[in-house]
Amino acid sequence: MKIIKPVTTEKAVRLLDTENTIIFEVDKRINKPEIKKQIEETFKVKVERINTLSRKNKKFAYAKLKKENLAIDLATKLGMI
């Protein structure tokens, strides 16, 4: 079970700036605590909250980062922007 890729839609980029939230496509069998742990360990950031959305046989995780970690910095490191 793993994080598949970051999402780079217009909405995802808008959420980076306004909500400090980054969106990932994840394995549909993974749960919220596992997603949070994997994001924190992989990217060395602190996650405040995880929301998930299942749509068209895909699962998306909305990871709201804590204020000391900026989502825009993580997105730049991942090459999204």
N, C-alpha and C. Protein backbone atom coordinates (compact mmCIF):
# COMPACT_ATOMS: atom_id res chain seq x y z
N MET A 1 0.85 -1.18 0.00
CA MET A 1 0.00 0.00 0.00
C MET A 1 0.88 1.23 0.00
N LYS A 2 0.51 2.19 -0.84
CA LYS A 2 1.41 3.32 -0.99
C LYS A 2 0.72 4.55 -1.54
N ILE A 3 1.47 5.63 -1.48
CA ILE A 3 1.07 6.87 -2.13
C ILE A 3 1.50 6.74 -3.58
N ILE A 4 0.58 6.99 -4.51
CA ILE A 4 0.89 6.79 -5.92
C ILE A 4 1.54 8.02 -6.54
N LYS A 5 0.85 9.17 -6.45
CA LYS A 5 1.40 10.39 -7.06
C LYS A 5 0.66 11.62 -6.54
N PRO A 6 1.29 12.80 -6.62
CA PRO A 6 0.58 14.03 -6.27
C PRO A 6 -0.35 14.43 -7.41
N VAL A 7 -1.41 15.12 -7.07
CA VAL A 7 -2.39 15.58 -8.05
C VAL A 7 -2.06 17.02 -8.42
N THR A 8 -2.08 17.34 -9.73
CA THR A 8 -1.66 18.67 -10.18
C THR A 8 -2.76 19.40 -10.94
N THR A 9 -4.00 19.28 -10.51
CA THR A 9 -5.10 19.99 -11.15
C THR A 9 -5.11 21.44 -10.68
N GLU A 10 -5.95 22.25 -11.31
CA GLU A 10 -6.08 23.65 -10.89
C GLU A 10 -6.56 23.75 -9.45
N LYS A 11 -7.52 22.90 -9.08
CA LYS A 11 -8.02 22.92 -7.71
C LYS A 11 -6.92 22.54 -6.73
N ALA A 12 -6.10 21.57 -7.07
CA ALA A 12 -5.01 21.14 -6.19
C ALA A 12 -4.01 22.27 -5.97
N VAL A 13 -3.69 22.99 -7.02
CA VAL A 13 -2.74 24.10 -6.90
C VAL A 13 -3.35 25.23 -6.08
N ARG A 14 -4.65 25.49 -6.24
CA ARG A 14 -5.32 26.52 -5.45
C ARG A 14 -5.32 26.15 -3.96
N LEU A 15 -5.54 24.87 -3.65
CA LEU A 15 -5.54 24.43 -2.25
C LEU A 15 -4.15 24.54 -1.61
N LEU A 16 -3.11 24.42 -2.42
CA LEU A 16 -1.74 24.61 -1.90
C LEU A 16 -1.60 25.98 -1.26
N ASP A 17 -2.09 27.00 -1.97
CA ASP A 17 -1.96 28.38 -1.49
C ASP A 17 -2.95 28.73 -0.39
N THR A 18 -4.22 28.40 -0.60
CA THR A 18 -5.25 28.89 0.30
C THR A 18 -5.42 28.05 1.57
N GLU A 19 -5.30 26.74 1.46
CA GLU A 19 -5.60 25.86 2.60
C GLU A 19 -4.37 25.15 3.17
N ASN A 20 -3.20 25.33 2.56
CA ASN A 20 -1.98 24.60 2.95
C ASN A 20 -2.21 23.09 2.88
N THR A 21 -2.89 22.68 1.80
CA THR A 21 -3.28 21.28 1.60
C THR A 21 -2.70 20.76 0.30
N ILE A 22 -2.18 19.55 0.34
CA ILE A 22 -1.65 18.91 -0.86
C ILE A 22 -2.44 17.62 -1.08
N ILE A 23 -2.72 17.32 -2.36
CA ILE A 23 -3.55 16.17 -2.70
C ILE A 23 -2.69 15.09 -3.34
N PHE A 24 -2.88 13.85 -2.87
CA PHE A 24 -2.18 12.70 -3.42
C PHE A 24 -3.20 11.66 -3.87
N GLU A 25 -2.89 10.98 -4.97
CA GLU A 25 -3.63 9.78 -5.33
C GLU A 25 -2.98 8.64 -4.56
N VAL A 26 -3.79 7.85 -3.85
CA VAL A 26 -3.25 6.78 -3.00
C VAL A 26 -3.90 5.45 -3.36
N ASP A 27 -3.29 4.38 -2.88
CA ASP A 27 -3.86 3.04 -3.02
C ASP A 27 -5.21 3.02 -2.32
N LYS A 28 -6.21 2.43 -2.95
CA LYS A 28 -7.56 2.51 -2.39
C LYS A 28 -7.75 1.65 -1.15
N ARG A 29 -6.79 0.80 -0.80
CA ARG A 29 -6.90 -0.04 0.40
C ARG A 29 -6.25 0.57 1.64
N ILE A 30 -5.58 1.70 1.50
CA ILE A 30 -4.86 2.33 2.60
C ILE A 30 -5.84 3.20 3.41
N ASN A 31 -5.65 3.27 4.74
CA ASN A 31 -6.54 4.08 5.56
C ASN A 31 -5.86 5.38 6.00
N LYS A 32 -6.62 6.26 6.66
CA LYS A 32 -6.12 7.58 7.00
C LYS A 32 -4.87 7.58 7.89
N PRO A 33 -4.83 6.79 8.97
CA PRO A 33 -3.59 6.79 9.78
C PRO A 33 -2.36 6.32 9.01
N GLU A 34 -2.55 5.35 8.12
CA GLU A 34 -1.42 4.88 7.31
C GLU A 34 -0.97 5.95 6.32
N ILE A 35 -1.92 6.67 5.73
CA ILE A 35 -1.59 7.76 4.80
C ILE A 35 -0.79 8.83 5.54
N LYS A 36 -1.29 9.23 6.71
CA LYS A 36 -0.62 10.28 7.50
C LYS A 36 0.81 9.87 7.84
N LYS A 37 0.97 8.65 8.33
CA LYS A 37 2.30 8.16 8.71
C LYS A 37 3.24 8.13 7.52
N GLN A 38 2.74 7.67 6.38
CA GLN A 38 3.58 7.56 5.20
C GLN A 38 4.00 8.94 4.67
N ILE A 39 3.09 9.90 4.67
CA ILE A 39 3.43 11.25 4.21
C ILE A 39 4.46 11.88 5.15
N GLU A 40 4.25 11.74 6.46
CA GLU A 40 5.18 12.34 7.43
C GLU A 40 6.57 11.72 7.32
N GLU A 41 6.64 10.42 7.15
CA GLU A 41 7.95 9.76 7.08
C GLU A 41 8.65 10.02 5.75
N THR A 42 7.89 10.00 4.66
CA THR A 42 8.49 10.15 3.33
C THR A 42 8.98 11.58 3.07
N PHE A 43 8.14 12.57 3.43
CA PHE A 43 8.44 13.96 3.06
C PHE A 43 8.94 14.81 4.23
N LYS A 44 9.05 14.21 5.44
CA LYS A 44 9.56 14.92 6.63
C LYS A 44 8.76 16.19 6.92
N VAL A 45 7.43 16.06 6.92
CA VAL A 45 6.53 17.16 7.27
C VAL A 45 5.56 16.67 8.33
N LYS A 46 4.85 17.60 8.97
CA LYS A 46 3.84 17.25 9.96
C LYS A 46 2.46 17.48 9.34
N VAL A 47 1.61 16.46 9.42
CA VAL A 47 0.27 16.52 8.85
C VAL A 47 -0.73 16.81 9.97
N GLU A 48 -1.57 17.81 9.75
CA GLU A 48 -2.59 18.15 10.73
C GLU A 48 -3.81 17.25 10.59
N ARG A 49 -4.23 17.00 9.34
CA ARG A 49 -5.47 16.25 9.11
C ARG A 49 -5.44 15.62 7.72
N ILE A 50 -6.09 14.46 7.60
CA ILE A 50 -6.24 13.77 6.32
C ILE A 50 -7.72 13.63 6.01
N ASN A 51 -8.12 14.02 4.82
CA ASN A 51 -9.46 13.75 4.30
C ASN A 51 -9.29 12.90 3.05
N THR A 52 -10.21 11.98 2.83
CA THR A 52 -10.10 11.13 1.64
C THR A 52 -11.35 11.25 0.79
N LEU A 53 -11.18 10.97 -0.49
CA LEU A 53 -12.26 10.99 -1.46
C LEU A 53 -12.05 9.82 -2.41
N SER A 54 -13.07 8.98 -2.54
CA SER A 54 -13.02 7.86 -3.49
C SER A 54 -13.90 8.21 -4.67
N ARG A 55 -13.31 8.12 -5.87
CA ARG A 55 -14.05 8.50 -7.06
C ARG A 55 -13.50 7.74 -8.26
N LYS A 56 -14.40 7.13 -9.03
CA LYS A 56 -14.02 6.41 -10.25
C LYS A 56 -12.90 5.40 -10.00
N ASN A 57 -13.08 4.60 -8.96
CA ASN A 57 -12.14 3.54 -8.62
C ASN A 57 -10.75 4.06 -8.25
N LYS A 58 -10.66 5.32 -7.85
CA LYS A 58 -9.41 5.91 -7.38
C LYS A 58 -9.68 6.54 -6.02
N LYS A 59 -8.64 6.67 -5.22
CA LYS A 59 -8.77 7.28 -3.91
C LYS A 59 -7.78 8.43 -3.82
N PHE A 60 -8.28 9.57 -3.34
CA PHE A 60 -7.46 10.76 -3.21
C PHE A 60 -7.38 11.15 -1.73
N ALA A 61 -6.20 11.53 -1.29
CA ALA A 61 -5.99 11.96 0.09
C ALA A 61 -5.65 13.44 0.09
N TYR A 62 -6.44 14.21 0.84
CA TYR A 62 -6.19 15.63 1.02
C TYR A 62 -5.44 15.77 2.34
N ALA A 63 -4.17 16.12 2.28
CA ALA A 63 -3.34 16.23 3.48
C ALA A 63 -3.15 17.70 3.83
N LYS A 64 -3.78 18.12 4.92
CA LYS A 64 -3.60 19.49 5.41
C LYS A 64 -2.38 19.50 6.31
N LEU A 65 -1.39 20.27 5.94
CA LEU A 65 -0.14 20.32 6.69
C LEU A 65 -0.22 21.34 7.82
N LYS A 66 0.59 21.12 8.85
CA LYS A 66 0.65 22.08 9.96
C LYS A 66 1.29 23.36 9.47
N LYS A 67 1.06 24.45 10.21
CA LYS A 67 1.49 25.78 9.76
C LYS A 67 2.99 25.90 9.55
N GLU A 68 3.78 25.15 10.32
CA GLU A 68 5.24 25.26 10.17
C GLU A 68 5.75 24.61 8.89
N ASN A 69 4.93 23.77 8.25
CA ASN A 69 5.28 23.15 6.98
C ASN A 69 4.39 23.71 5.89
N LEU A 70 4.97 24.34 4.90
CA LEU A 70 4.19 24.92 3.82
C LEU A 70 4.02 23.91 2.69
N ALA A 71 2.79 23.72 2.26
CA ALA A 71 2.48 22.77 1.19
C ALA A 71 3.13 23.22 -0.12
N ILE A 72 3.23 24.52 -0.33
CA ILE A 72 3.82 25.03 -1.57
C ILE A 72 5.29 24.63 -1.66
N ASP A 73 6.00 24.58 -0.52
CA ASP A 73 7.40 24.15 -0.52
C ASP A 73 7.51 22.67 -0.88
N LEU A 74 6.62 21.85 -0.34
CA LEU A 74 6.61 20.42 -0.66
C LEU A 74 6.28 20.21 -2.13
N ALA A 75 5.33 20.97 -2.65
CA ALA A 75 4.95 20.86 -4.05
C ALA A 75 6.12 21.24 -4.97
N THR A 76 6.86 22.25 -4.59
CA THR A 76 8.02 22.65 -5.37
C THR A 76 9.09 21.56 -5.35
N LYS A 77 9.28 20.96 -4.19
CA LYS A 77 10.26 19.87 -4.05
C LYS A 77 9.85 18.65 -4.91
N LEU A 78 8.54 18.42 -5.03
CA LEU A 78 8.04 17.29 -5.83
C LEU A 78 7.97 17.61 -7.32
N GLY A 79 8.20 18.88 -7.69
CA GLY A 79 8.17 19.26 -9.09
C GLY A 79 6.77 19.53 -9.63
N MET A 80 5.83 19.80 -8.73
CA MET A 80 4.45 20.10 -9.18
C MET A 80 4.35 21.52 -9.74
N ILE A 81 5.18 22.41 -9.22
CA ILE A 81 5.11 23.83 -9.64
C ILE A 81 6.44 24.24 -10.23
